[in-house]
């Protein structure tokens, strides 16, 4: 199932996620939004790190640990996991 979802996070910024999700596995995920992550290439690295992973609490911890050393303006590391969960649970902006 292909999902596109946008979440307005605390502080007014947005995180957009586009992904394929099947059998509790995240595939081809891509984050974008009006937050800032430095160095910029860490966002693509995060996308690659998540691809092929199961959606579970361990993934949440991996995302937080991965992003903590970097500068993020307008978002928190946990927001990236939260937007994945909300996208899957909402059923909004789902395209077959």
PDB file of N, CA and C in Angstrom:
ATOM      1  N   UNK A   1       0.841  -1.163   0.000  1.00  0.00           N
ATOM      2  CA  UNK A   1       0.000   0.000   0.000  1.00  0.00           C
ATOM      3  C   UNK A   1       0.897   1.240   0.000  1.00  0.00           C
ATOM      4  N   UNK A   2       0.597   2.175  -0.881  1.00  0.00           N
ATOM      5  CA  UNK A   2       1.342   3.427  -0.940  1.00  0.00           C
ATOM      6  C   UNK A   2       0.633   4.469  -0.086  1.00  0.00           C
ATOM      7  N   UNK A   3       1.394   5.182   0.728  1.00  0.00           N
ATOM      8  CA  UNK A   3       0.829   6.181   1.639  1.00  0.00           C
ATOM      9  C   UNK A   3       1.583   7.491   1.501  1.00  0.00           C
ATOM     10  N   UNK A   4       0.835   8.582   1.430  1.00  0.00           N
ATOM     11  CA  UNK A   4       1.382   9.937   1.551  1.00  0.00           C
ATOM     12  C   UNK A   4       0.651  10.599   2.703  1.00  0.00           C
ATOM     13  N   UNK A   5       1.408  11.264   3.575  1.00  0.00           N
ATOM     14  CA  UNK A   5       0.791  11.862   4.759  1.00  0.00           C
ATOM     15  C   UNK A   5       1.613  13.077   5.178  1.00  0.00           C
ATOM     16  N   UNK A   6       0.909  14.130   5.604  1.00  0.00           N
ATOM     17  CA  UNK A   6       1.560  15.335   6.102  1.00  0.00           C
ATOM     18  C   UNK A   6       1.050  15.602   7.506  1.00  0.00           C
ATOM     19  N   UNK A   7       1.982  15.868   8.409  1.00  0.00           N
ATOM     20  CA  UNK A   7       1.629  16.176   9.799  1.00  0.00           C
ATOM     21  C   UNK A   7       2.207  17.530  10.178  1.00  0.00           C
ATOM     22  N   UNK A   8       1.361  18.364  10.779  1.00  0.00           N
ATOM     23  CA  UNK A   8       1.841  19.614  11.353  1.00  0.00           C
ATOM     24  C   UNK A   8       2.262  19.296  12.780  1.00  0.00           C
ATOM     25  N   UNK A   9       3.531  19.530  13.054  1.00  0.00           N
ATOM     26  CA  UNK A   9       4.073  19.181  14.364  1.00  0.00           C
ATOM     27  C   UNK A   9       4.108  20.411  15.266  1.00  0.00           C
ATOM     28  N   UNK A  10       4.419  20.181  16.514  1.00  0.00           N
ATOM     29  CA  UNK A  10       4.501  21.267  17.487  1.00  0.00           C
ATOM     30  C   UNK A  10       5.448  22.341  16.980  1.00  0.00           C
ATOM     31  N   UNK A  11       5.019  23.582  17.052  1.00  0.00           N
ATOM     32  CA  UNK A  11       5.831  24.684  16.545  1.00  0.00           C
ATOM     33  C   UNK A  11       5.403  25.120  15.151  1.00  0.00           C
ATOM     34  N   UNK A  12       4.472  24.374  14.522  1.00  0.00           N
ATOM     35  CA  UNK A  12       3.914  24.785  13.252  1.00  0.00           C
ATOM     36  C   UNK A  12       4.595  24.250  12.002  1.00  0.00           C
ATOM     37  N   UNK A  13       5.694  23.553  12.149  1.00  0.00           N
ATOM     38  CA  UNK A  13       6.373  22.978  10.986  1.00  0.00           C
ATOM     39  C   UNK A  13       5.642  21.714  10.533  1.00  0.00           C
ATOM     40  N   UNK A  14       5.979  21.252   9.327  1.00  0.00           N
ATOM     41  CA  UNK A  14       5.357  20.037   8.819  1.00  0.00           C
ATOM     42  C   UNK A  14       6.404  18.987   8.474  1.00  0.00           C
ATOM     43  N   UNK A  15       5.988  17.738   8.598  1.00  0.00           N
ATOM     44  CA  UNK A  15       6.771  16.606   8.102  1.00  0.00           C
ATOM     45  C   UNK A  15       5.857  15.835   7.159  1.00  0.00           C
ATOM     46  N   UNK A  16       6.353  15.582   5.975  1.00  0.00           N
ATOM     47  CA  UNK A  16       5.618  14.790   4.993  1.00  0.00           C
ATOM     48  C   UNK A  16       6.345  13.463   4.829  1.00  0.00           C
ATOM     49  N   UNK A  17       5.577  12.387   4.785  1.00  0.00           N
ATOM     50  CA  UNK A  17       6.144  11.068   4.546  1.00  0.00           C
ATOM     51  C   UNK A  17       5.425  10.436   3.360  1.00  0.00           C
ATOM     52  N   UNK A  18       6.199   9.849   2.478  1.00  0.00           N
ATOM     53  CA  UNK A  18       5.696   9.041   1.366  1.00  0.00           C
ATOM     54  C   UNK A  18       6.365   7.686   1.522  1.00  0.00           C
ATOM     55  N   UNK A  19       5.571   6.624   1.446  1.00  0.00           N
ATOM     56  CA  UNK A  19       6.167   5.303   1.652  1.00  0.00           C
ATOM     57  C   UNK A  19       5.254   4.209   1.129  1.00  0.00           C
ATOM     58  N   UNK A  20       5.854   3.083   0.904  1.00  0.00           N
ATOM     59  CA  UNK A  20       5.125   1.844   0.684  1.00  0.00           C
ATOM     60  C   UNK A  20       5.158   1.092   2.007  1.00  0.00           C
ATOM     61  N   UNK A  21       4.033   0.489   2.358  1.00  0.00           N
ATOM     62  CA  UNK A  21       3.932  -0.225   3.634  1.00  0.00           C
ATOM     63  C   UNK A  21       3.155  -1.515   3.405  1.00  0.00           C
ATOM     64  N   UNK A  22       3.769  -2.626   3.750  1.00  0.00           N
ATOM     65  CA  UNK A  22       3.121  -3.908   3.540  1.00  0.00           C
ATOM     66  C   UNK A  22       3.635  -4.912   4.566  1.00  0.00           C
ATOM     67  N   UNK A  23       2.713  -5.661   5.167  1.00  0.00           N
ATOM     68  CA  UNK A  23       3.057  -6.700   6.147  1.00  0.00           C
ATOM     69  C   UNK A  23       3.937  -6.163   7.273  1.00  0.00           C
ATOM     70  N   UNK A  24       3.609  -4.943   7.740  1.00  0.00           N
ATOM     71  CA  UNK A  24       4.323  -4.281   8.839  1.00  0.00           C
ATOM     72  C   UNK A  24       5.762  -3.912   8.481  1.00  0.00           C
ATOM     73  N   UNK A  25       6.077  -3.884   7.191  1.00  0.00           N
ATOM     74  CA  UNK A  25       7.420  -3.495   6.737  1.00  0.00           C
ATOM     75  C   UNK A  25       7.331  -2.188   5.954  1.00  0.00           C
ATOM     76  N   UNK A  26       8.220  -1.270   6.268  1.00  0.00           N
ATOM     77  CA  UNK A  26       8.293   0.022   5.592  1.00  0.00           C
ATOM     78  C   UNK A  26       9.233  -0.107   4.403  1.00  0.00           C
ATOM     79  N   UNK A  27       8.749   0.320   3.240  1.00  0.00           N
ATOM     80  CA  UNK A  27       9.551   0.233   2.021  1.00  0.00           C
ATOM     81  C   UNK A  27       9.512   1.581   1.303  1.00  0.00           C
ATOM     82  N   UNK A  28      10.616   1.935   0.696  1.00  0.00           N
ATOM     83  CA  UNK A  28      10.692   3.139  -0.147  1.00  0.00           C
ATOM     84  C   UNK A  28      10.185   4.391   0.563  1.00  0.00           C
ATOM     85  N   UNK A  29      10.660   4.627   1.760  1.00  0.00           N
ATOM     86  CA  UNK A  29      10.210   5.787   2.533  1.00  0.00           C
ATOM     87  C   UNK A  29      10.984   7.033   2.126  1.00  0.00           C
ATOM     88  N   UNK A  30      10.286   8.174   2.179  1.00  0.00           N
ATOM     89  CA  UNK A  30      10.902   9.451   1.850  1.00  0.00           C
ATOM     90  C   UNK A  30      10.263  10.516   2.738  1.00  0.00           C
ATOM     91  N   UNK A  31      11.097  11.241   3.490  1.00  0.00           N
ATOM     92  CA  UNK A  31      10.631  12.349   4.323  1.00  0.00           C
ATOM     93  C   UNK A  31      10.939  13.669   3.634  1.00  0.00           C
ATOM     94  N   UNK A  32      10.044  14.629   3.824  1.00  0.00           N
ATOM     95  CA  UNK A  32      10.302  16.005   3.409  1.00  0.00           C
ATOM     96  C   UNK A  32       9.495  16.902   4.348  1.00  0.00           C
ATOM     97  N   UNK A  33       9.618  18.202   4.190  1.00  0.00           N
ATOM     98  CA  UNK A  33       8.866  19.124   5.033  1.00  0.00           C
ATOM     99  C   UNK A  33       9.591  20.442   5.171  1.00  0.00           C
ATOM    100  N   UNK A  34       9.077  21.281   6.056  1.00  0.00           N
ATOM    101  CA  UNK A  34       9.692  22.591   6.239  1.00  0.00           C
ATOM    102  C   UNK A  34      10.519  22.681   7.521  1.00  0.00           C
ATOM    103  N   UNK A  35      11.036  21.559   7.949  1.00  0.00           N
ATOM    104  CA  UNK A  35      11.998  21.487   9.041  1.00  0.00           C
ATOM    105  C   UNK A  35      13.405  21.534   8.419  1.00  0.00           C
ATOM    106  N   UNK A  36      14.411  21.680   9.259  1.00  0.00           N
ATOM    107  CA  UNK A  36      15.795  21.685   8.778  1.00  0.00           C
ATOM    108  C   UNK A  36      16.594  20.634   9.534  1.00  0.00           C
ATOM    109  N   UNK A  37      17.355  19.860   8.794  1.00  0.00           N
ATOM    110  CA  UNK A  37      18.227  18.838   9.375  1.00  0.00           C
ATOM    111  C   UNK A  37      19.622  19.061   8.816  1.00  0.00           C
ATOM    112  N   UNK A  38      20.592  19.204   9.724  1.00  0.00           N
ATOM    113  CA  UNK A  38      21.979  19.419   9.312  1.00  0.00           C
ATOM    114  C   UNK A  38      22.860  18.324   9.867  1.00  0.00           C
ATOM    115  N   UNK A  39      23.770  17.787   9.100  1.00  0.00           N
ATOM    116  CA  UNK A  39      23.969  18.038   7.671  1.00  0.00           C
ATOM    117  C   UNK A  39      22.812  17.460   6.846  1.00  0.00           C
ATOM    118  N   UNK A  40      22.517  18.099   5.738  1.00  0.00           N
ATOM    119  CA  UNK A  40      21.347  17.781   4.932  1.00  0.00           C
ATOM    120  C   UNK A  40      21.307  16.332   4.450  1.00  0.00           C
ATOM    121  N   UNK A  41      22.447  15.754   4.151  1.00  0.00           N
ATOM    122  CA  UNK A  41      22.454  14.386   3.616  1.00  0.00           C
ATOM    123  C   UNK A  41      21.981  13.352   4.636  1.00  0.00           C
ATOM    124  N   UNK A  42      21.884  13.745   5.900  1.00  0.00           N
ATOM    125  CA  UNK A  42      21.424  12.810   6.926  1.00  0.00           C
ATOM    126  C   UNK A  42      19.963  12.426   6.727  1.00  0.00           C
ATOM    127  N   UNK A  43      19.193  13.267   6.054  1.00  0.00           N
ATOM    128  CA  UNK A  43      17.803  12.921   5.790  1.00  0.00           C
ATOM    129  C   UNK A  43      17.721  11.750   4.810  1.00  0.00           C
ATOM    130  N   UNK A  44      18.505  11.790   3.746  1.00  0.00           N
ATOM    131  CA  UNK A  44      18.538  10.656   2.812  1.00  0.00           C
ATOM    132  C   UNK A  44      19.076   9.405   3.501  1.00  0.00           C
ATOM    133  N   UNK A  45      20.066   9.581   4.358  1.00  0.00           N
ATOM    134  CA  UNK A  45      20.601   8.439   5.105  1.00  0.00           C
ATOM    135  C   UNK A  45      19.532   7.837   6.016  1.00  0.00           C
ATOM    136  N   UNK A  46      18.700   8.703   6.623  1.00  0.00           N
ATOM    137  CA  UNK A  46      17.604   8.215   7.464  1.00  0.00           C
ATOM    138  C   UNK A  46      16.619   7.416   6.624  1.00  0.00           C
ATOM    139  N   UNK A  47      16.251   7.936   5.458  1.00  0.00           N
ATOM    140  CA  UNK A  47      15.344   7.209   4.564  1.00  0.00           C
ATOM    141  C   UNK A  47      15.890   5.818   4.272  1.00  0.00           C
ATOM    142  N   UNK A  48      17.164   5.743   3.931  1.00  0.00           N
ATOM    143  CA  UNK A  48      17.790   4.455   3.616  1.00  0.00           C
ATOM    144  C   UNK A  48      17.843   3.537   4.830  1.00  0.00           C
ATOM    145  N   UNK A  49      18.063   4.113   6.007  1.00  0.00           N
ATOM    146  CA  UNK A  49      18.153   3.329   7.241  1.00  0.00           C
ATOM    147  C   UNK A  49      16.813   2.669   7.583  1.00  0.00           C
ATOM    148  N   UNK A  50      15.712   3.348   7.272  1.00  0.00           N
ATOM    149  CA  UNK A  50      14.385   2.850   7.628  1.00  0.00           C
ATOM    150  C   UNK A  50      13.866   1.830   6.615  1.00  0.00           C
ATOM    151  N   UNK A  51      14.243   1.965   5.354  1.00  0.00           N
ATOM    152  CA  UNK A  51      13.742   1.065   4.316  1.00  0.00           C
ATOM    153  C   UNK A  51      13.971  -0.391   4.687  1.00  0.00           C
ATOM    154  N   UNK A  52      12.913  -1.193   4.577  1.00  0.00           N
ATOM    155  CA  UNK A  52      13.006  -2.615   4.859  1.00  0.00           C
ATOM    156  C   UNK A  52      12.848  -2.989   6.316  1.00  0.00           C
ATOM    157  N   UNK A  53      12.599  -1.996   7.179  1.00  0.00           N
ATOM    158  CA  UNK A  53      12.478  -2.266   8.624  1.00  0.00           C
ATOM    159  C   UNK A  53      11.023  -2.489   9.018  1.00  0.00           C
ATOM    160  N   UNK A  54      10.852  -3.268  10.092  1.00  0.00           N
ATOM    161  CA  UNK A  54       9.539  -3.461  10.678  1.00  0.00           C
ATOM    162  C   UNK A  54       9.160  -2.238  11.497  1.00  0.00           C
ATOM    163  N   UNK A  55       7.875  -1.911  11.488  1.00  0.00           N
ATOM    164  CA  UNK A  55       7.370  -0.828  12.319  1.00  0.00           C
ATOM    165  C   UNK A  55       7.185  -1.367  13.730  1.00  0.00           C
ATOM    166  N   UNK A  56       8.043  -0.942  14.652  1.00  0.00           N
ATOM    167  CA  UNK A  56       7.946  -1.372  16.042  1.00  0.00           C
ATOM    168  C   UNK A  56       8.712  -0.384  16.919  1.00  0.00           C
ATOM    169  N   UNK A  57       8.676  -0.631  18.205  1.00  0.00           N
ATOM    170  CA  UNK A  57       9.332   0.265  19.168  1.00  0.00           C
ATOM    171  C   UNK A  57      10.847   0.315  18.951  1.00  0.00           C
ATOM    172  N   UNK A  58      11.419  -0.772  18.511  1.00  0.00           N
ATOM    173  CA  UNK A  58      12.854  -0.796  18.231  1.00  0.00           C
ATOM    174  C   UNK A  58      13.199   0.205  17.124  1.00  0.00           C
ATOM    175  N   UNK A  59      12.348   0.294  16.109  1.00  0.00           N
ATOM    176  CA  UNK A  59      12.581   1.262  15.038  1.00  0.00           C
ATOM    177  C   UNK A  59      12.524   2.685  15.582  1.00  0.00           C
ATOM    178  N   UNK A  60      11.570   2.946  16.468  1.00  0.00           N
ATOM    179  CA  UNK A  60      11.479   4.274  17.078  1.00  0.00           C
ATOM    180  C   UNK A  60      12.793   4.624  17.775  1.00  0.00           C
ATOM    181  N   UNK A  61      13.313   3.699  18.554  1.00  0.00           N
ATOM    182  CA  UNK A  61      14.573   3.943  19.259  1.00  0.00           C
ATOM    183  C   UNK A  61      15.730   4.144  18.291  1.00  0.00           C
ATOM    184  N   UNK A  62      15.760   3.377  17.191  1.00  0.00           N
ATOM    185  CA  UNK A  62      16.817   3.535  16.194  1.00  0.00           C
ATOM    186  C   UNK A  62      16.770   4.916  15.544  1.00  0.00           C
ATOM    187  N   UNK A  63      15.568   5.389  15.219  1.00  0.00           N
ATOM    188  CA  UNK A  63      15.424   6.717  14.602  1.00  0.00           C
ATOM    189  C   UNK A  63      15.907   7.793  15.560  1.00  0.00           C
ATOM    190  N   UNK A  64      15.490   7.711  16.802  1.00  0.00           N
ATOM    191  CA  UNK A  64      15.887   8.722  17.792  1.00  0.00           C
ATOM    192  C   UNK A  64      17.404   8.711  17.991  1.00  0.00           C
ATOM    193  N   UNK A  65      17.978   7.526  18.170  1.00  0.00           N
ATOM    194  CA  UNK A  65      19.438   7.437  18.356  1.00  0.00           C
ATOM    195  C   UNK A  65      20.188   7.961  17.131  1.00  0.00           C
ATOM    196  N   UNK A  66      19.668   7.664  15.947  1.00  0.00           N
ATOM    197  CA  UNK A  66      20.330   8.102  14.720  1.00  0.00           C
ATOM    198  C   UNK A  66      20.311   9.630  14.591  1.00  0.00           C
ATOM    199  N   UNK A  67      19.192  10.261  14.911  1.00  0.00           N
ATOM    200  CA  UNK A  67      19.045  11.702  14.685  1.00  0.00           C
ATOM    201  C   UNK A  67      19.580  12.566  15.826  1.00  0.00           C
ATOM    202  N   UNK A  68      19.694  12.026  17.020  1.00  0.00           N
ATOM    203  CA  UNK A  68      20.096  12.838  18.175  1.00  0.00           C
ATOM    204  C   UNK A  68      21.391  13.629  17.980  1.00  0.00           C
ATOM    205  N   UNK A  69      22.421  13.089  17.335  1.00  0.00           N
ATOM    206  CA  UNK A  69      23.664  13.860  17.217  1.00  0.00           C
ATOM    207  C   UNK A  69      23.589  15.037  16.235  1.00  0.00           C
ATOM    208  N   UNK A  70      22.528  15.106  15.431  1.00  0.00           N
ATOM    209  CA  UNK A  70      22.459  16.120  14.380  1.00  0.00           C
ATOM    210  C   UNK A  70      21.559  17.271  14.791  1.00  0.00           C
ATOM    211  N   UNK A  71      21.732  18.386  14.128  1.00  0.00           N
ATOM    212  CA  UNK A  71      20.929  19.569  14.392  1.00  0.00           C
ATOM    213  C   UNK A  71      19.627  19.479  13.608  1.00  0.00           C
ATOM    214  N   UNK A  72      18.522  19.539  14.329  1.00  0.00           N
ATOM    215  CA  UNK A  72      17.201  19.566  13.697  1.00  0.00           C
ATOM    216  C   UNK A  72      16.493  20.824  14.197  1.00  0.00           C
ATOM    217  N   UNK A  73      16.046  21.631  13.265  1.00  0.00           N
ATOM    218  CA  UNK A  73      15.300  22.843  13.608  1.00  0.00           C
ATOM    219  C   UNK A  73      13.860  22.647  13.149  1.00  0.00           C
ATOM    220  N   UNK A  74      12.930  22.778  14.085  1.00  0.00           N
ATOM    221  CA  UNK A  74      11.514  22.673  13.754  1.00  0.00           C
ATOM    222  C   UNK A  74      10.918  21.296  13.957  1.00  0.00           C
ATOM    223  N   UNK A  75      11.693  20.343  14.446  1.00  0.00           N
ATOM    224  CA  UNK A  75      11.187  18.985  14.691  1.00  0.00           C
ATOM    225  C   UNK A  75      12.053  18.314  15.749  1.00  0.00           C
ATOM    226  N   UNK A  76      11.522  17.238  16.300  1.00  0.00           N
ATOM    227  CA  UNK A  76      12.273  16.402  17.241  1.00  0.00           C
ATOM    228  C   UNK A  76      12.505  15.052  16.580  1.00  0.00           C
ATOM    229  N   UNK A  77      13.528  14.318  16.986  1.00  0.00           N
ATOM    230  CA  UNK A  77      13.761  12.995  16.398  1.00  0.00           C
ATOM    231  C   UNK A  77      12.535  12.080  16.466  1.00  0.00           C
ATOM    232  N   UNK A  78      11.803  12.112  17.566  1.00  0.00           N
ATOM    233  CA  UNK A  78      10.629  11.242  17.708  1.00  0.00           C
ATOM    234  C   UNK A  78       9.504  11.597  16.741  1.00  0.00           C
ATOM    235  N   UNK A  79       9.475  12.834  16.238  1.00  0.00           N
ATOM    236  CA  UNK A  79       8.431  13.246  15.295  1.00  0.00           C
ATOM    237  C   UNK A  79       8.465  12.413  14.016  1.00  0.00           C
ATOM    238  N   UNK A  80       9.635  11.958  13.613  1.00  0.00           N
ATOM    239  CA  UNK A  80       9.746  11.200  12.367  1.00  0.00           C
ATOM    240  C   UNK A  80       9.085   9.824  12.515  1.00  0.00           C
ATOM    241  N   UNK A  81       9.253   9.201  13.652  1.00  0.00           N
ATOM    242  CA  UNK A  81       8.564   7.933  13.901  1.00  0.00           C
ATOM    243  C   UNK A  81       7.064   8.171  14.042  1.00  0.00           C
ATOM    244  N   UNK A  82       6.699   9.203  14.783  1.00  0.00           N
ATOM    245  CA  UNK A  82       5.280   9.487  15.023  1.00  0.00           C
ATOM    246  C   UNK A  82       4.519   9.719  13.722  1.00  0.00           C
ATOM    247  N   UNK A  83       5.135  10.405  12.766  1.00  0.00           N
ATOM    248  CA  UNK A  83       4.443  10.660  11.502  1.00  0.00           C
ATOM    249  C   UNK A  83       4.245   9.374  10.705  1.00  0.00           C
ATOM    250  N   UNK A  84       5.174   8.436  10.814  1.00  0.00           N
ATOM    251  CA  UNK A  84       5.005   7.133  10.158  1.00  0.00           C
ATOM    252  C   UNK A  84       3.791   6.420  10.747  1.00  0.00           C
ATOM    253  N   UNK A  85       3.718   6.359  12.057  1.00  0.00           N
ATOM    254  CA  UNK A  85       2.615   5.667  12.729  1.00  0.00           C
ATOM    255  C   UNK A  85       1.283   6.331  12.396  1.00  0.00           C
ATOM    256  N   UNK A  86       1.224   7.649  12.458  1.00  0.00           N
ATOM    257  CA  UNK A  86      -0.013   8.356  12.151  1.00  0.00           C
ATOM    258  C   UNK A  86      -0.431   8.146  10.702  1.00  0.00           C
ATOM    259  N   UNK A  87       0.526   8.134   9.801  1.00  0.00           N
ATOM    260  CA  UNK A  87       0.215   7.920   8.389  1.00  0.00           C
ATOM    261  C   UNK A  87      -0.446   6.561   8.190  1.00  0.00           C
ATOM    262  N   UNK A  88       0.098   5.555   8.817  1.00  0.00           N
ATOM    263  CA  UNK A  88      -0.436   4.199   8.670  1.00  0.00           C
ATOM    264  C   UNK A  88      -1.811   4.082   9.331  1.00  0.00           C
ATOM    265  N   UNK A  89      -1.966   4.672  10.495  1.00  0.00           N
ATOM    266  CA  UNK A  89      -3.215   4.547  11.247  1.00  0.00           C
ATOM    267  C   UNK A  89      -4.334   5.437  10.731  1.00  0.00           C
ATOM    268  N   UNK A  90      -4.003   6.507  10.046  1.00  0.00           N
ATOM    269  CA  UNK A  90      -5.032   7.485   9.662  1.00  0.00           C
ATOM    270  C   UNK A  90      -5.880   7.038   8.490  1.00  0.00           C
ATOM    271  N   UNK A  91      -5.266   6.350   7.545  1.00  0.00           N
ATOM    272  CA  UNK A  91      -5.990   6.004   6.327  1.00  0.00           C
ATOM    273  C   UNK A  91      -6.164   7.191   5.399  1.00  0.00           C
ATOM    274  N   UNK A  92      -5.690   8.378   5.799  1.00  0.00           N
ATOM    275  CA  UNK A  92      -5.797   9.577   4.963  1.00  0.00           C
ATOM    276  C   UNK A  92      -4.680   9.577   3.929  1.00  0.00           C
ATOM    277  N   UNK A  93      -4.974  10.182   2.805  1.00  0.00           N
ATOM    278  CA  UNK A  93      -3.991  10.371   1.749  1.00  0.00           C
ATOM    279  C   UNK A  93      -3.367   9.048   1.310  1.00  0.00           C
ATOM    280  N   UNK A  94      -4.158   7.994   1.354  1.00  0.00           N
ATOM    281  CA  UNK A  94      -3.669   6.689   0.927  1.00  0.00           C
ATOM    282  C   UNK A  94      -4.021   6.497  -0.538  1.00  0.00           C
ATOM    283  N   UNK A  95      -3.034   6.075  -1.307  1.00  0.00           N
ATOM    284  CA  UNK A  95      -3.257   5.820  -2.720  1.00  0.00           C
ATOM    285  C   UNK A  95      -2.981   4.343  -3.006  1.00  0.00           C
ATOM    286  N   UNK A  96      -3.883   3.681  -3.717  1.00  0.00           N
ATOM    287  CA  UNK A  96      -3.664   2.252  -3.997  1.00  0.00           C
ATOM    288  C   UNK A  96      -2.487   2.016  -4.921  1.00  0.00           C
TER     289      UNK A  96
END
